[in-house]
PDB file of N, CA and C in Angstrom:
ATOM      1  N   MET A   1      30.525  -1.552 -20.290  1.00  0.00           N
ATOM      2  CA  MET A   1      30.590  -2.047 -18.922  1.00  0.00           C
ATOM      3  C   MET A   1      29.220  -1.934 -18.285  1.00  0.00           C
ATOM      4  N   SER A   2      28.759  -3.013 -17.696  1.00  0.00           N
ATOM      5  CA  SER A   2      27.462  -2.995 -17.031  1.00  0.00           C
ATOM      6  C   SER A   2      27.564  -2.338 -15.665  1.00  0.00           C
ATOM      7  N   LYS A   3      26.533  -1.641 -15.320  1.00  0.00           N
ATOM      8  CA  LYS A   3      26.488  -0.961 -14.020  1.00  0.00           C
ATOM      9  C   LYS A   3      26.111  -1.966 -12.944  1.00  0.00           C
ATOM     10  N   HIS A   4      26.820  -1.912 -11.818  1.00  0.00           N
ATOM     11  CA  HIS A   4      26.517  -2.774 -10.692  1.00  0.00           C
ATOM     12  C   HIS A   4      25.738  -1.960  -9.645  1.00  0.00           C
ATOM     13  N   TYR A   5      24.738  -2.593  -9.076  1.00  0.00           N
ATOM     14  CA  TYR A   5      23.922  -1.954  -8.051  1.00  0.00           C
ATOM     15  C   TYR A   5      24.174  -2.658  -6.712  1.00  0.00           C
ATOM     16  N   LEU A   6      24.146  -1.880  -5.653  1.00  0.00           N
ATOM     17  CA  LEU A   6      24.252  -2.457  -4.302  1.00  0.00           C
ATOM     18  C   LEU A   6      22.875  -3.004  -3.938  1.00  0.00           C
ATOM     19  N   VAL A   7      22.845  -4.277  -3.547  1.00  0.00           N
ATOM     20  CA  VAL A   7      21.609  -4.938  -3.166  1.00  0.00           C
ATOM     21  C   VAL A   7      21.843  -5.610  -1.828  1.00  0.00           C
ATOM     22  N   ILE A   8      20.967  -5.356  -0.862  1.00  0.00           N
ATOM     23  CA  ILE A   8      21.001  -6.006   0.431  1.00  0.00           C
ATOM     24  C   ILE A   8      19.983  -7.143   0.390  1.00  0.00           C
ATOM     25  N   ILE A   9      20.425  -8.339   0.766  1.00  0.00           N
ATOM     26  CA  ILE A   9      19.529  -9.491   0.724  1.00  0.00           C
ATOM     27  C   ILE A   9      19.560 -10.159   2.106  1.00  0.00           C
ATOM     28  N   SER A  10      18.391 -10.307   2.695  1.00  0.00           N
ATOM     29  CA  SER A  10      18.288 -11.043   3.986  1.00  0.00           C
ATOM     30  C   SER A  10      17.287 -12.148   3.807  1.00  0.00           C
ATOM     31  N   TYR A  11      17.397 -13.163   4.657  1.00  0.00           N
ATOM     32  CA  TYR A  11      16.497 -14.288   4.485  1.00  0.00           C
ATOM     33  C   TYR A  11      16.143 -14.896   5.845  1.00  0.00           C
ATOM     34  N   ASP A  12      15.007 -15.583   5.841  1.00  0.00           N
ATOM     35  CA  ASP A  12      14.569 -16.387   6.985  1.00  0.00           C
ATOM     36  C   ASP A  12      14.011 -17.659   6.374  1.00  0.00           C
ATOM     37  N   ILE A  13      14.756 -18.746   6.493  1.00  0.00           N
ATOM     38  CA  ILE A  13      14.405 -20.021   5.837  1.00  0.00           C
ATOM     39  C   ILE A  13      14.120 -21.031   6.946  1.00  0.00           C
ATOM     40  N   ALA A  14      12.993 -21.702   6.839  1.00  0.00           N
ATOM     41  CA  ALA A  14      12.541 -22.613   7.898  1.00  0.00           C
ATOM     42  C   ALA A  14      13.269 -23.936   7.978  1.00  0.00           C
ATOM     43  N   HIS A  15      13.637 -24.514   6.830  1.00  0.00           N
ATOM     44  CA  HIS A  15      14.217 -25.837   6.816  1.00  0.00           C
ATOM     45  C   HIS A  15      15.735 -25.736   6.627  1.00  0.00           C
ATOM     46  N   PRO A  16      16.543 -26.463   7.454  1.00  0.00           N
ATOM     47  CA  PRO A  16      17.986 -26.366   7.356  1.00  0.00           C
ATOM     48  C   PRO A  16      18.564 -26.665   5.977  1.00  0.00           C
ATOM     49  N   ARG A  17      18.012 -27.636   5.265  1.00  0.00           N
ATOM     50  CA  ARG A  17      18.548 -27.980   3.943  1.00  0.00           C
ATOM     51  C   ARG A  17      18.327 -26.815   2.964  1.00  0.00           C
ATOM     52  N   ARG A  18      17.142 -26.232   2.967  1.00  0.00           N
ATOM     53  CA  ARG A  18      16.866 -25.076   2.103  1.00  0.00           C
ATOM     54  C   ARG A  18      17.721 -23.876   2.514  1.00  0.00           C
ATOM     55  N   LEU A  19      17.879 -23.695   3.826  1.00  0.00           N
ATOM     56  CA  LEU A  19      18.697 -22.602   4.339  1.00  0.00           C
ATOM     57  C   LEU A  19      20.134 -22.700   3.807  1.00  0.00           C
ATOM     58  N   ASN A  20      20.707 -23.885   3.870  1.00  0.00           N
ATOM     59  CA  ASN A  20      22.075 -24.096   3.377  1.00  0.00           C
ATOM     60  C   ASN A  20      22.180 -23.807   1.872  1.00  0.00           C
ATOM     61  N   ARG A  21      21.187 -24.232   1.116  1.00  0.00           N
ATOM     62  CA  ARG A  21      21.179 -24.017  -0.327  1.00  0.00           C
ATOM     63  C   ARG A  21      21.110 -22.520  -0.649  1.00  0.00           C
ATOM     64  N   VAL A  22      20.244 -21.806   0.054  1.00  0.00           N
ATOM     65  CA  VAL A  22      20.094 -20.377  -0.167  1.00  0.00           C
ATOM     66  C   VAL A  22      21.407 -19.674   0.208  1.00  0.00           C
ATOM     67  N   ALA A  23      21.990 -20.032   1.340  1.00  0.00           N
ATOM     68  CA  ALA A  23      23.230 -19.404   1.792  1.00  0.00           C
ATOM     69  C   ALA A  23      24.354 -19.615   0.777  1.00  0.00           C
ATOM     70  N   LYS A  24      24.458 -20.833   0.215  1.00  0.00           N
ATOM     71  CA  LYS A  24      25.505 -21.103  -0.755  1.00  0.00           C
ATOM     72  C   LYS A  24      25.326 -20.283  -2.015  1.00  0.00           C
ATOM     73  N   VAL A  25      24.102 -20.123  -2.464  1.00  0.00           N
ATOM     74  CA  VAL A  25      23.855 -19.313  -3.654  1.00  0.00           C
ATOM     75  C   VAL A  25      24.241 -17.847  -3.374  1.00  0.00           C
ATOM     76  N   LEU A  26      23.867 -17.330  -2.210  1.00  0.00           N
ATOM     77  CA  LEU A  26      24.189 -15.947  -1.870  1.00  0.00           C
ATOM     78  C   LEU A  26      25.675 -15.713  -1.646  1.00  0.00           C
ATOM     79  N   GLU A  27      26.379 -16.717  -1.178  1.00  0.00           N
ATOM     80  CA  GLU A  27      27.828 -16.600  -0.980  1.00  0.00           C
ATOM     81  C   GLU A  27      28.538 -16.434  -2.323  1.00  0.00           C
ATOM     82  N   THR A  28      27.962 -16.975  -3.389  1.00  0.00           N
ATOM     83  CA  THR A  28      28.549 -16.771  -4.720  1.00  0.00           C
ATOM     84  C   THR A  28      28.189 -15.412  -5.311  1.00  0.00           C
ATOM     85  N   ALA A  29      27.153 -14.773  -4.756  1.00  0.00           N
ATOM     86  CA  ALA A  29      26.649 -13.519  -5.332  1.00  0.00           C
ATOM     87  C   ALA A  29      27.165 -12.289  -4.577  1.00  0.00           C
ATOM     88  N   GLY A  30      27.577 -12.449  -3.323  1.00  0.00           N
ATOM     89  CA  GLY A  30      27.965 -11.277  -2.572  1.00  0.00           C
ATOM     90  C   GLY A  30      28.755 -11.588  -1.325  1.00  0.00           C
ATOM     91  N   VAL A  31      28.752 -10.651  -0.403  1.00  0.00           N
ATOM     92  CA  VAL A  31      29.534 -10.740   0.835  1.00  0.00           C
ATOM     93  C   VAL A  31      28.570 -10.851   2.008  1.00  0.00           C
ATOM     94  N   ARG A  32      28.819 -11.848   2.863  1.00  0.00           N
ATOM     95  CA  ARG A  32      27.991 -12.010   4.046  1.00  0.00           C
ATOM     96  C   ARG A  32      28.401 -10.949   5.080  1.00  0.00           C
ATOM     97  N   VAL A  33      27.434 -10.140   5.532  1.00  0.00           N
ATOM     98  CA  VAL A  33      27.733  -9.125   6.510  1.00  0.00           C
ATOM     99  C   VAL A  33      27.145  -9.460   7.892  1.00  0.00           C
ATOM    100  N   GLN A  34      26.184 -10.336   7.922  1.00  0.00           N
ATOM    101  CA  GLN A  34      25.650 -10.922   9.145  1.00  0.00           C
ATOM    102  C   GLN A  34      25.210 -12.337   8.803  1.00  0.00           C
ATOM    103  N   LYS A  35      24.781 -13.077   9.789  1.00  0.00           N
ATOM    104  CA  LYS A  35      24.452 -14.490   9.572  1.00  0.00           C
ATOM    105  C   LYS A  35      23.503 -14.716   8.411  1.00  0.00           C
ATOM    106  N   SER A  36      22.495 -13.879   8.270  1.00  0.00           N
ATOM    107  CA  SER A  36      21.510 -14.055   7.188  1.00  0.00           C
ATOM    108  C   SER A  36      21.349 -12.809   6.348  1.00  0.00           C
ATOM    109  N   VAL A  37      22.420 -12.008   6.252  1.00  0.00           N
ATOM    110  CA  VAL A  37      22.363 -10.796   5.473  1.00  0.00           C
ATOM    111  C   VAL A  37      23.592 -10.707   4.569  1.00  0.00           C
ATOM    112  N   PHE A  38      23.339 -10.398   3.287  1.00  0.00           N
ATOM    113  CA  PHE A  38      24.398 -10.303   2.306  1.00  0.00           C
ATOM    114  C   PHE A  38      24.325  -8.941   1.599  1.00  0.00           C
ATOM    115  N   GLU A  39      25.496  -8.419   1.220  1.00  0.00           N
ATOM    116  CA  GLU A  39      25.615  -7.266   0.340  1.00  0.00           C
ATOM    117  C   GLU A  39      26.112  -7.789  -0.990  1.00  0.00           C
ATOM    118  N   CYS A  40      25.411  -7.419  -2.044  1.00  0.00           N
ATOM    119  CA  CYS A  40      25.759  -7.900  -3.376  1.00  0.00           C
ATOM    120  C   CYS A  40      25.907  -6.744  -4.319  1.00  0.00           C
ATOM    121  N   GLY A  41      26.911  -6.781  -5.152  1.00  0.00           N
ATOM    122  CA  GLY A  41      27.052  -5.849  -6.248  1.00  0.00           C
ATOM    123  C   GLY A  41      26.646  -6.570  -7.527  1.00  0.00           C
ATOM    124  N   LEU A  42      25.475  -6.259  -8.051  1.00  0.00           N
ATOM    125  CA  LEU A  42      24.904  -7.021  -9.136  1.00  0.00           C
ATOM    126  C   LEU A  42      24.485  -6.125 -10.315  1.00  0.00           C
ATOM    127  N   THR A  43      24.653  -6.664 -11.507  1.00  0.00           N
ATOM    128  CA  THR A  43      24.082  -6.018 -12.676  1.00  0.00           C
ATOM    129  C   THR A  43      22.596  -6.288 -12.676  1.00  0.00           C
ATOM    130  N   PRO A  44      21.812  -5.533 -13.430  1.00  0.00           N
ATOM    131  CA  PRO A  44      20.365  -5.817 -13.488  1.00  0.00           C
ATOM    132  C   PRO A  44      20.058  -7.249 -13.927  1.00  0.00           C
ATOM    133  N   ASP A  45      20.788  -7.737 -14.940  1.00  0.00           N
ATOM    134  CA  ASP A  45      20.555  -9.112 -15.413  1.00  0.00           C
ATOM    135  C   ASP A  45      20.918 -10.140 -14.323  1.00  0.00           C
ATOM    136  N   ALA A  46      22.019  -9.886 -13.611  1.00  0.00           N
ATOM    137  CA  ALA A  46      22.431 -10.818 -12.565  1.00  0.00           C
ATOM    138  C   ALA A  46      21.414 -10.835 -11.419  1.00  0.00           C
ATOM    139  N   LEU A  47      20.811  -9.679 -11.129  1.00  0.00           N
ATOM    140  CA  LEU A  47      19.786  -9.620 -10.086  1.00  0.00           C
ATOM    141  C   LEU A  47      18.555 -10.422 -10.489  1.00  0.00           C
ATOM    142  N   ILE A  48      18.160 -10.292 -11.726  1.00  0.00           N
ATOM    143  CA  ILE A  48      17.009 -11.068 -12.230  1.00  0.00           C
ATOM    144  C   ILE A  48      17.294 -12.559 -12.140  1.00  0.00           C
ATOM    145  N   ALA A  49      18.482 -12.957 -12.549  1.00  0.00           N
ATOM    146  CA  ALA A  49      18.839 -14.377 -12.499  1.00  0.00           C
ATOM    147  C   ALA A  49      18.912 -14.877 -11.056  1.00  0.00           C
ATOM    148  N   LEU A  50      19.432 -14.051 -10.121  1.00  0.00           N
ATOM    149  CA  LEU A  50      19.511 -14.471  -8.729  1.00  0.00           C
ATOM    150  C   LEU A  50      18.126 -14.599  -8.130  1.00  0.00           C
ATOM    151  N   ARG A  51      17.232 -13.663  -8.423  1.00  0.00           N
ATOM    152  CA  ARG A  51      15.879 -13.758  -7.920  1.00  0.00           C
ATOM    153  C   ARG A  51      15.204 -15.074  -8.380  1.00  0.00           C
ATOM    154  N   SER A  52      15.400 -15.377  -9.624  1.00  0.00           N
ATOM    155  CA  SER A  52      14.820 -16.600 -10.179  1.00  0.00           C
ATOM    156  C   SER A  52      15.375 -17.843  -9.496  1.00  0.00           C
ATOM    157  N   ARG A  53      16.695 -17.848  -9.333  1.00  0.00           N
ATOM    158  CA  ARG A  53      17.339 -19.018  -8.698  1.00  0.00           C
ATOM    159  C   ARG A  53      16.870 -19.189  -7.246  1.00  0.00           C
ATOM    160  N   LEU A  54      16.760 -18.085  -6.513  1.00  0.00           N
ATOM    161  CA  LEU A  54      16.299 -18.154  -5.121  1.00  0.00           C
ATOM    162  C   LEU A  54      14.859 -18.585  -5.022  1.00  0.00           C
ATOM    163  N   ARG A  55      14.025 -18.107  -5.944  1.00  0.00           N
ATOM    164  CA  ARG A  55      12.611 -18.455  -5.957  1.00  0.00           C
ATOM    165  C   ARG A  55      12.406 -19.965  -6.056  1.00  0.00           C
ATOM    166  N   ARG A  56      13.290 -20.619  -6.812  1.00  0.00           N
ATOM    167  CA  ARG A  56      13.188 -22.089  -7.001  1.00  0.00           C
ATOM    168  C   ARG A  56      13.649 -22.839  -5.754  1.00  0.00           C
ATOM    169  N   LEU A  57      14.399 -22.219  -4.868  1.00  0.00           N
ATOM    170  CA  LEU A  57      14.949 -22.887  -3.698  1.00  0.00           C
ATOM    171  C   LEU A  57      14.043 -22.843  -2.456  1.00  0.00           C
ATOM    172  N   ILE A  58      13.155 -21.872  -2.408  1.00  0.00           N
ATOM    173  CA  ILE A  58      12.405 -21.659  -1.154  1.00  0.00           C
ATOM    174  C   ILE A  58      11.011 -22.286  -1.247  1.00  0.00           C
ATOM    175  N   HIS A  59      10.417 -22.425  -0.067  1.00  0.00           N
ATOM    176  CA  HIS A  59       9.011 -22.837   0.061  1.00  0.00           C
ATOM    177  C   HIS A  59       8.252 -21.556   0.452  1.00  0.00           C
ATOM    178  N   PRO A  60       7.447 -20.982  -0.449  1.00  0.00           N
ATOM    179  CA  PRO A  60       6.802 -19.684  -0.205  1.00  0.00           C
ATOM    180  C   PRO A  60       5.928 -19.644   1.040  1.00  0.00           C
ATOM    181  N   GLY A  61       5.397 -20.772   1.471  1.00  0.00           N
ATOM    182  CA  GLY A  61       4.551 -20.766   2.649  1.00  0.00           C
ATOM    183  C   GLY A  61       5.324 -20.759   3.954  1.00  0.00           C
ATOM    184  N   GLU A  62       6.611 -21.032   3.903  1.00  0.00           N
ATOM    185  CA  GLU A  62       7.414 -21.119   5.121  1.00  0.00           C
ATOM    186  C   GLU A  62       8.612 -20.157   5.168  1.00  0.00           C
ATOM    187  N   ASP A  63       9.119 -19.776   4.017  1.00  0.00           N
ATOM    188  CA  ASP A  63      10.365 -19.002   3.949  1.00  0.00           C
ATOM    189  C   ASP A  63      10.090 -17.624   3.368  1.00  0.00           C
ATOM    190  N   HIS A  64      11.054 -16.729   3.617  1.00  0.00           N
ATOM    191  CA  HIS A  64      11.014 -15.457   2.932  1.00  0.00           C
ATOM    192  C   HIS A  64      12.413 -14.901   2.704  1.00  0.00           C
ATOM    193  N   ILE A  65      12.567 -14.185   1.613  1.00  0.00           N
ATOM    194  CA  ILE A  65      13.804 -13.528   1.266  1.00  0.00           C
ATOM    195  C   ILE A  65      13.460 -12.094   0.958  1.00  0.00           C
ATOM    196  N   LEU A  66      14.213 -11.173   1.573  1.00  0.00           N
ATOM    197  CA  LEU A  66      14.011  -9.737   1.365  1.00  0.00           C
ATOM    198  C   LEU A  66      15.168  -9.241   0.487  1.00  0.00           C
ATOM    199  N   ILE A  67      14.853  -8.639  -0.657  1.00  0.00           N
ATOM    200  CA  ILE A  67      15.849  -8.125  -1.585  1.00  0.00           C
ATOM    201  C   ILE A  67      15.648  -6.628  -1.686  1.00  0.00           C
ATOM    202  N   MET A  68      16.669  -5.862  -1.252  1.00  0.00           N
ATOM    203  CA  MET A  68      16.529  -4.387  -1.168  1.00  0.00           C
ATOM    204  C   MET A  68      17.625  -3.729  -2.014  1.00  0.00           C
ATOM    205  N   PRO A  69      17.293  -3.251  -3.190  1.00  0.00           N
ATOM    206  CA  PRO A  69      18.278  -2.466  -3.956  1.00  0.00           C
ATOM    207  C   PRO A  69      18.498  -1.108  -3.232  1.00  0.00           C
ATOM    208  N   ILE A  70      19.716  -0.658  -3.201  1.00  0.00           N
ATOM    209  CA  ILE A  70      20.052   0.622  -2.560  1.00  0.00           C
ATOM    210  C   ILE A  70      20.436   1.590  -3.672  1.00  0.00           C
ATOM    211  N   CYS A  71      19.700   2.696  -3.780  1.00  0.00           N
ATOM    212  CA  CYS A  71      19.963   3.663  -4.843  1.00  0.00           C
ATOM    213  C   CYS A  71      21.258   4.418  -4.558  1.00  0.00           C
ATOM    214  N   VAL A  72      21.800   5.044  -5.592  1.00  0.00           N
ATOM    215  CA  VAL A  72      23.061   5.760  -5.482  1.00  0.00           C
ATOM    216  C   VAL A  72      22.971   6.858  -4.428  1.00  0.00           C
ATOM    217  N   ARG A  73      21.878   7.600  -4.417  1.00  0.00           N
ATOM    218  CA  ARG A  73      21.703   8.683  -3.409  1.00  0.00           C
ATOM    219  C   ARG A  73      21.683   8.118  -2.012  1.00  0.00           C
ATOM    220  N   CYS A  74      21.008   6.959  -1.830  1.00  0.00           N
ATOM    221  CA  CYS A  74      20.867   6.381  -0.498  1.00  0.00           C
ATOM    222  C   CYS A  74      22.183   5.815   0.026  1.00  0.00           C
ATOM    223  N   ARG A  75      23.094   5.442  -0.850  1.00  0.00           N
ATOM    224  CA  ARG A  75      24.370   4.892  -0.432  1.00  0.00           C
ATOM    225  C   ARG A  75      25.116   5.876   0.466  1.00  0.00           C
ATOM    226  N   HIS A  76      24.943   7.175   0.187  1.00  0.00           N
ATOM    227  CA  HIS A  76      25.667   8.197   0.948  1.00  0.00           C
ATOM    228  C   HIS A  76      25.115   8.329   2.376  1.00  0.00           C
ATOM    229  N   HIS A  77      23.975   7.743   2.660  1.00  0.00           N
ATOM    230  CA  HIS A  77      23.381   7.848   3.989  1.00  0.00           C
ATOM    231  C   HIS A  77      23.528   6.547   4.789  1.00  0.00           C
ATOM    232  N   ILE A  78      24.240   5.577   4.235  1.00  0.00           N
ATOM    233  CA  ILE A  78      24.462   4.346   4.964  1.00  0.00           C
ATOM    234  C   ILE A  78      25.406   4.629   6.107  1.00  0.00           C
ATOM    235  N   GLY A  79      25.025   4.204   7.309  1.00  0.00           N
ATOM    236  CA  GLY A  79      25.854   4.419   8.496  1.00  0.00           C
ATOM    237  C   GLY A  79      26.113   3.135   9.211  1.00  0.00           C
ATOM    238  N   TRP A  80      27.246   3.052   9.867  1.00  0.00           N
ATOM    239  CA  TRP A  80      27.605   1.868  10.653  1.00  0.00           C
ATOM    240  C   TRP A  80      27.784   2.267  12.091  1.00  0.00           C
ATOM    241  N   GLN A  81      27.457   1.381  12.973  1.00  0.00           N
ATOM    242  CA  GLN A  81      27.763   1.518  14.381  1.00  0.00           C
ATOM    243  C   GLN A  81      28.475   0.239  14.799  1.00  0.00           C
ATOM    244  N   GLY A  82      29.513   0.400  15.592  1.00  0.00           N
ATOM    245  CA  GLY A  82      30.275  -0.778  16.008  1.00  0.00           C
ATOM    246  C   GLY A  82      31.354  -1.098  14.982  1.00  0.00           C
ATOM    247  N   LYS A  83      31.795  -2.341  14.941  1.00  0.00           N
ATOM    248  CA  LYS A  83      32.854  -2.807  14.093  1.00  0.00           C
ATOM    249  C   LYS A  83      32.466  -2.648  12.615  1.00  0.00           C
ATOM    250  N   LEU A  84      33.320  -2.039  11.829  1.00  0.00           N
ATOM    251  CA  LEU A  84      33.058  -1.847  10.407  1.00  0.00           C
ATOM    252  C   LEU A  84      33.329  -3.180   9.658  1.00  0.00           C
ATOM    253  N   PRO A  85      32.591  -3.433   8.567  1.00  0.00           N
ATOM    254  CA  PRO A  85      32.821  -4.647   7.786  1.00  0.00           C
ATOM    255  C   PRO A  85      34.134  -4.506   7.001  1.00  0.00           C
ATOM    256  N   ASP A  86      34.658  -5.619   6.549  1.00  0.00           N
ATOM    257  CA  ASP A  86      35.864  -5.667   5.735  1.00  0.00           C
ATOM    258  C   ASP A  86      35.518  -5.230   4.311  1.00  0.00           C
ATOM    259  N   ILE A  87      35.876  -4.008   3.946  1.00  0.00           N
ATOM    260  CA  ILE A  87      35.510  -3.502   2.631  1.00  0.00           C
ATOM    261  C   ILE A  87      36.400  -4.022   1.520  1.00  0.00           C
ATOM    262  N   SER A  88      37.467  -4.729   1.883  1.00  0.00           N
ATOM    263  CA  SER A  88      38.348  -5.245   0.832  1.00  0.00           C
ATOM    264  C   SER A  88      37.672  -6.318   0.006  1.00  0.00           C
ATOM    265  N   THR A  89      36.623  -6.949   0.522  1.00  0.00           N
ATOM    266  CA  THR A  89      35.918  -7.987  -0.221  1.00  0.00           C
ATOM    267  C   THR A  89      34.628  -7.504  -0.825  1.00  0.00           C
ATOM    268  N   ALA A  90      34.307  -6.233  -0.665  1.00  0.00           N
ATOM    269  CA  ALA A  90      33.045  -5.715  -1.194  1.00  0.00           C
ATOM    270  C   ALA A  90      33.055  -5.711  -2.718  1.00  0.00           C
ATOM    271  N   PRO A  91      31.913  -6.131  -3.357  1.00  0.00           N
ATOM    272  CA  PRO A  91      31.871  -6.212  -4.789  1.00  0.00           C
ATOM    273  C   PRO A  91      31.497  -4.883  -5.459  1.00  0.00           C
ATOM    274  N   TYR A  92      31.609  -3.758  -4.787  1.00  0.00           N
ATOM    275  CA  TYR A  92      31.204  -2.463  -5.295  1.00  0.00           C
ATOM    276  C   TYR A  92      32.004  -1.397  -4.594  1.00  0.00           C
ATOM    277  N   TRP A  93      31.895  -0.181  -5.077  1.00  0.00           N
ATOM    278  CA  TRP A  93      32.556   0.969  -4.443  1.00  0.00           C
ATOM    279  C   TRP A  93      31.510   1.941  -3.964  1.00  0.00           C
ATOM    280  N   ILE A  94      31.693   2.508  -2.806  1.00  0.00           N
ATOM    281  CA  ILE A  94      30.853   3.627  -2.324  1.00  0.00           C
ATOM    282  C   ILE A  94      31.754   4.840  -2.325  1.00  0.00           C
ATOM    283  N   VAL A  95      31.367   5.857  -3.106  1.00  0.00           N
ATOM    284  CA  VAL A  95      32.222   7.037  -3.252  1.00  0.00           C
ATOM    285  C   VAL A  95      31.511   8.238  -2.650  1.00  0.00           C
TER     286      VAL A  95
END
């Protein structure tokens, strides 16, 4: 069984067509937690493939995507304020 890692991905895309394409790719990879922020449970190979796919969709001079892997130790320090997200759709477990 491959290990899944929690990865937070946020984006700022300048052109609406590219923005929609990036959002659709990320919707298949994880759970949208804010308008331009996704939580993804990915294997190392899946993360490499996703990075490659996103790289082909953006214009580097205008857009940016932030990909933040969250280590196991750091998961225990994640805190929420306000309404909690729906964990029933999360692709990973936080124990």
